[in-house]
Protein backbone atom coordinates (compact mmCIF):
# COMPACT_ATOMS: atom_id res chain seq x y z
CA MET A 1 4.09 5.51 -19.05
CA ASN A 2 6.57 5.60 -16.16
CA ILE A 3 5.22 2.88 -13.89
CA VAL A 4 7.88 3.20 -11.18
CA SER A 5 7.18 6.09 -8.83
CA SER A 6 10.03 8.19 -7.48
CA ALA A 7 8.19 8.84 -4.23
CA LYS A 8 10.15 7.74 -1.15
CA ARG A 9 7.11 7.34 1.12
CA GLN A 10 3.92 5.78 -0.17
CA VAL A 11 0.66 4.82 1.51
CA ILE A 12 -1.14 1.89 -0.08
CA LEU A 13 -4.83 2.51 0.60
CA ASP A 14 -8.21 0.84 0.33
CA THR A 15 -11.68 1.74 1.58
CA GLU A 16 -14.98 -0.05 2.11
CA THR A 17 -18.26 1.84 1.81
CA THR A 18 -21.96 1.59 2.55
CA GLY A 19 -22.77 1.03 -1.13
CA MET A 20 -21.53 -1.02 -4.02
CA ASN A 21 -18.94 0.37 -6.42
CA GLN A 22 -21.04 2.55 -8.70
CA GLY A 23 -18.24 4.94 -9.61
CA ALA A 24 -17.81 8.46 -8.32
CA GLY A 25 -21.56 9.02 -8.59
CA ALA A 26 -22.13 6.68 -5.65
CA ILE A 27 -21.45 9.53 -3.23
CA TYR A 28 -24.50 11.39 -4.53
CA LEU A 29 -26.66 8.47 -3.42
CA GLY A 30 -25.55 9.16 0.11
CA HIS A 31 -22.98 6.37 0.44
CA ARG A 32 -20.21 6.81 3.03
CA ILE A 33 -16.91 5.24 4.03
CA ILE A 34 -17.11 2.55 6.73
CA GLU A 35 -13.52 1.26 6.71
CA ILE A 36 -10.10 2.66 5.83
CA GLY A 37 -6.99 0.49 5.58
CA CYS A 38 -3.49 1.73 4.77
CA VAL A 39 0.02 0.27 4.82
CA GLU A 40 3.21 2.29 4.61
CA VAL A 41 5.96 1.73 2.06
CA ILE A 42 9.24 3.66 2.24
CA ASN A 43 11.81 3.31 -0.52
CA ARG A 44 9.85 0.31 -1.86
CA ARG A 45 9.98 -1.52 1.46
CA LEU A 46 6.98 -2.39 3.63
CA THR A 47 7.68 -0.87 7.03
CA GLY A 48 4.99 -2.74 8.98
CA ARG A 49 3.37 0.57 9.95
CA HIS A 50 -0.31 0.81 9.09
CA TYR A 51 -3.49 2.82 9.62
CA HIS A 52 -6.83 1.09 10.11
CA GLU A 53 -10.24 2.36 11.22
CA TYR A 54 -13.83 1.18 11.10
CA ILE A 55 -16.22 4.13 10.87
CA ASN A 56 -19.84 4.74 11.81
CA PRO A 57 -21.34 6.09 8.55
CA GLN A 58 -24.48 7.37 10.30
CA GLN A 59 -26.65 5.57 7.76
CA ILE A 60 -27.74 2.08 6.72
CA ILE A 61 -25.31 -0.15 4.81
CA ASP A 62 -26.71 -1.71 1.61
CA GLU A 63 -27.30 -5.46 1.80
CA GLU A 64 -25.34 -5.94 -1.43
CA ALA A 65 -22.35 -4.20 0.14
CA ILE A 66 -22.54 -6.35 3.27
CA GLU A 67 -22.34 -9.44 1.06
CA VAL A 68 -19.07 -8.08 -0.37
CA HIS A 69 -17.24 -6.93 2.76
CA GLY A 70 -19.21 -8.52 5.63
CA ILE A 71 -19.35 -5.28 7.66
CA THR A 72 -22.76 -4.98 9.30
CA ASN A 73 -24.70 -2.02 10.65
CA GLU A 74 -24.44 -3.50 14.16
CA TYR A 75 -20.66 -3.77 13.91
CA VAL A 76 -20.07 -0.10 13.05
CA ALA A 77 -22.82 1.31 15.29
CA ASN A 78 -20.37 2.17 18.08
CA LYS A 79 -17.37 2.99 15.90
CA PRO A 80 -16.09 6.59 15.64
CA LYS A 81 -17.56 8.95 13.06
CA PHE A 82 -15.32 10.14 10.22
CA ALA A 83 -14.99 13.58 11.79
CA GLU A 84 -13.49 11.95 14.88
CA ILE A 85 -10.74 10.13 12.97
CA SER A 86 -10.21 12.60 10.12
CA GLN A 87 -7.15 14.32 11.59
CA SER A 88 -5.31 11.10 12.40
CA PHE A 89 -6.06 9.87 8.87
CA ILE A 90 -4.85 13.11 7.29
CA ASP A 91 -1.70 12.97 9.40
CA PHE A 92 -0.97 9.44 8.16
CA ILE A 93 -1.30 10.22 4.45
CA ASP A 94 0.05 13.78 4.56
CA GLY A 95 3.00 14.22 2.21
CA ALA A 96 3.03 10.59 1.07
CA GLU A 97 1.96 9.32 -2.33
CA VAL A 98 -1.36 7.51 -1.95
CA VAL A 99 -1.55 4.33 -4.04
CA ALA A 100 -4.96 2.75 -4.65
CA HIS A 101 -6.60 0.39 -7.13
CA ASN A 102 -9.25 2.27 -9.10
CA ALA A 103 -8.15 5.29 -7.12
CA SER A 104 -10.86 7.61 -8.45
CA PHE A 105 -13.46 5.62 -6.50
CA ASP A 106 -11.64 5.76 -3.15
CA VAL A 107 -10.61 9.38 -3.62
CA SER A 108 -14.14 10.48 -4.52
CA PHE A 109 -15.41 9.05 -1.24
CA MET A 110 -12.53 10.58 0.71
CA ASP A 111 -13.17 13.97 -0.86
CA HIS A 112 -16.84 13.65 0.01
CA GLU A 113 -16.04 12.84 3.64
CA PHE A 114 -13.62 15.77 3.84
CA SER A 115 -16.30 18.07 2.38
CA LEU A 116 -18.67 17.18 5.23
CA LEU A 117 -16.23 18.25 7.94
CA GLN A 118 -16.85 21.46 9.89
CA PRO A 119 -14.97 23.49 8.87
CA ARG A 120 -14.80 21.96 5.40
CA GLY A 121 -11.72 19.81 4.89
CA PRO A 122 -9.24 19.70 2.00
CA LYS A 123 -9.43 17.63 -1.14
CA THR A 124 -7.26 14.52 -1.11
CA ALA A 125 -5.10 15.86 -3.95
CA ASP A 126 -4.27 18.89 -1.79
CA ILE A 127 -2.88 16.57 0.90
CA CYS A 128 -0.90 14.14 -1.25
CA PRO A 129 -0.31 12.95 -4.82
CA ILE A 130 -2.30 9.91 -5.97
CA LEU A 131 -1.23 6.89 -8.02
CA ASP A 132 -3.77 4.47 -9.55
CA THR A 133 -2.52 0.88 -9.82
CA LEU A 134 -5.41 0.06 -12.15
CA ASP A 135 -3.90 2.42 -14.72
CA ILE A 136 -0.55 0.66 -14.34
CA ALA A 137 -2.18 -2.77 -14.71
CA LYS A 138 -4.05 -1.70 -17.85
CA PHE A 139 -0.80 -0.39 -19.33
CA LEU A 140 1.09 -3.60 -18.55
CA HIS A 141 -1.75 -6.02 -19.37
CA PRO A 142 -4.06 -4.42 -21.94
CA GLY A 143 -7.27 -6.28 -22.69
CA GLN A 144 -6.94 -8.56 -19.65
CA LYS A 145 -8.72 -8.75 -16.31
CA ASN A 146 -6.97 -6.36 -13.97
CA ASN A 147 -8.94 -6.58 -10.73
CA LEU A 148 -7.01 -7.39 -7.56
CA ASP A 149 -7.79 -11.12 -7.62
CA ALA A 150 -6.67 -11.43 -11.25
CA LEU A 151 -3.43 -9.58 -10.51
CA CYS A 152 -2.71 -11.79 -7.51
CA LYS A 153 -3.06 -14.86 -9.72
CA ARG A 154 -0.89 -13.31 -12.44
CA TYR A 155 1.92 -12.41 -10.05
CA GLY A 156 1.70 -15.49 -7.83
CA ILE A 157 0.60 -13.59 -4.73
CA ASP A 158 -1.27 -15.54 -2.04
CA ASN A 159 -4.68 -13.99 -1.42
CA SER A 160 -6.28 -17.06 0.15
CA ARG A 161 -7.24 -15.01 3.24
CA ARG A 162 -9.40 -12.77 1.05
CA GLU A 163 -12.76 -14.52 1.44
CA LEU A 164 -14.40 -11.12 1.89
CA HIS A 165 -13.19 -7.67 0.94
CA GLY A 166 -11.55 -5.81 3.81
CA ALA A 167 -9.74 -2.49 3.57
CA LEU A 168 -6.60 -3.37 5.53
CA LEU A 169 -6.20 -6.84 4.03
CA ASP A 170 -6.80 -5.50 0.52
CA ALA A 171 -4.26 -2.72 1.12
CA GLU A 172 -1.68 -5.31 2.23
CA ILE A 173 -2.36 -7.44 -0.86
CA LEU A 174 -2.30 -4.38 -3.12
CA ALA A 175 1.10 -3.42 -1.71
CA ASP A 176 2.49 -6.80 -2.81
CA VAL A 177 0.82 -6.49 -6.23
CA TYR A 178 2.03 -2.93 -6.79
CA LEU A 179 5.62 -3.68 -5.86
CA MET A 180 5.66 -6.79 -8.05
CA MET A 181 4.14 -4.92 -10.99
CA THR A 182 6.78 -2.21 -10.75
CA GLY A 183 9.87 -4.36 -10.41
CA GLY A 184 9.81 -6.45 -7.26
CA GLN A 185 10.26 -5.64 -3.63
CA THR A 186 12.42 -5.97 -0.58
CA LYS A 187 10.53 -6.68 2.61
CA PHE A 188 11.66 -6.63 6.21
CA ASN A 189 9.87 -7.62 9.40
CA LEU A 190 9.55 -4.24 11.10
CA SER A 191 6.09 -4.86 12.48
CA GLY A 192 7.16 -6.41 15.78
CA GLU A 193 5.23 -9.60 15.03
CA LYS A 194 6.55 -12.93 16.24
CA ALA A 195 8.19 -15.25 13.76
CA GLY A 196 5.68 -17.40 11.94
CA GLU A 197 2.73 -15.01 12.38
CA GLU A 198 0.78 -13.88 9.34
CA GLY A 199 0.65 -10.17 8.76
CA GLY A 200 1.06 -7.57 6.07
CA GLY A 201 2.62 -9.95 3.59
CA ILE A 202 6.01 -9.21 5.16
CA ASN A 203 8.61 -11.92 4.72
CA ARG A 204 10.08 -13.40 7.87
CA LEU A 205 13.73 -14.36 8.32
CA ASP A 206 14.30 -18.08 8.84
CA ARG A 207 16.37 -18.10 12.01
CA ASN A 208 16.96 -21.85 11.77
CA ARG A 209 18.75 -21.73 8.45
CA ALA A 210 22.50 -22.41 8.25
CA ASN A 211 24.79 -19.41 8.46
CA LEU A 212 25.88 -18.11 5.07
CA LYS A 213 29.51 -18.78 4.14
CA VAL A 214 31.63 -15.62 4.08
CA ILE A 215 34.30 -15.61 1.36
CA ARG A 216 37.08 -13.09 1.95
CA ALA A 217 39.58 -11.76 -0.58
CA THR A 218 43.12 -13.15 -0.46
CA ALA A 219 46.15 -10.90 0.07
CA ASP A 220 47.02 -11.22 -3.63
CA GLU A 221 43.47 -10.24 -4.65
CA LEU A 222 43.55 -7.22 -2.33
CA THR A 223 46.87 -6.10 -3.86
CA LYS A 224 45.50 -6.37 -7.39
CA HIS A 225 42.36 -4.50 -6.29
CA GLU A 226 44.47 -1.61 -4.97
CA GLU A 227 46.49 -1.54 -8.20
CA ARG A 228 43.25 -1.27 -10.19
CA LEU A 229 42.06 1.60 -7.97
CA ASP A 230 45.39 3.37 -8.55
CA LEU A 231 44.67 3.29 -12.29
CA VAL A 232 41.16 4.59 -11.75
CA ALA A 233 42.48 7.41 -9.55
CA LYS A 234 44.90 8.54 -12.25
CA SER A 235 42.02 9.03 -14.71
CA GLY A 236 39.84 10.95 -12.28
CA GLN A 237 38.15 10.72 -8.87
CA CYS A 238 38.06 7.24 -7.39
CA ILE A 239 34.70 6.92 -5.60
CA TRP A 240 35.71 3.61 -4.02
CA ARG A 241 38.26 5.38 -1.84
CA GLY A 242 37.41 7.85 0.86
């Protein structure tokens, strides 16, 4: 299994719904999406760009679900309906690779929401490819717990803010988990947040640290370097010279 995707732009996604996770069949019980959270990764770097919406599902949220994510009927009563945010959501994920944990669950709900649009919307797979981090985790850690909390513990990722499930927070945590599972990550503060603020799991530069020492080549070392490049050039193209 090739666990490292070649996609340049990825959208790490999570959803919260009106019902507990009962698999794809949950949509047939009438359950709907009430929150979407996404973070953008380009060339394995978190950009700080994200998509986040709470949604009025036009139905009652199960009490068991409220205990999981804390989103109440009162809170989403005045939020936009899915049809009102569908285009902005599609625009955000269009052409990217969507990465989700237990992706079949999130995608089944997304497909259901798209099917209710007038005119009927596309299937998620028609908009973008999909990568399931649960499949990767099972491949890397067979026979072990591979939920998000277990993976955070395994990879030393701080999820102390995760008292309740939340789509944007879980997407941010999943981004860290996914990048660690597939070989580490490079993160930059492109979100415009002030130094010291929490957000998106993006590392901040320590502006108070001492300047790094710059070691430059001596004249003798530069001469020997050029002599070595001369030898390389004789055997073929020297890519280190313009």
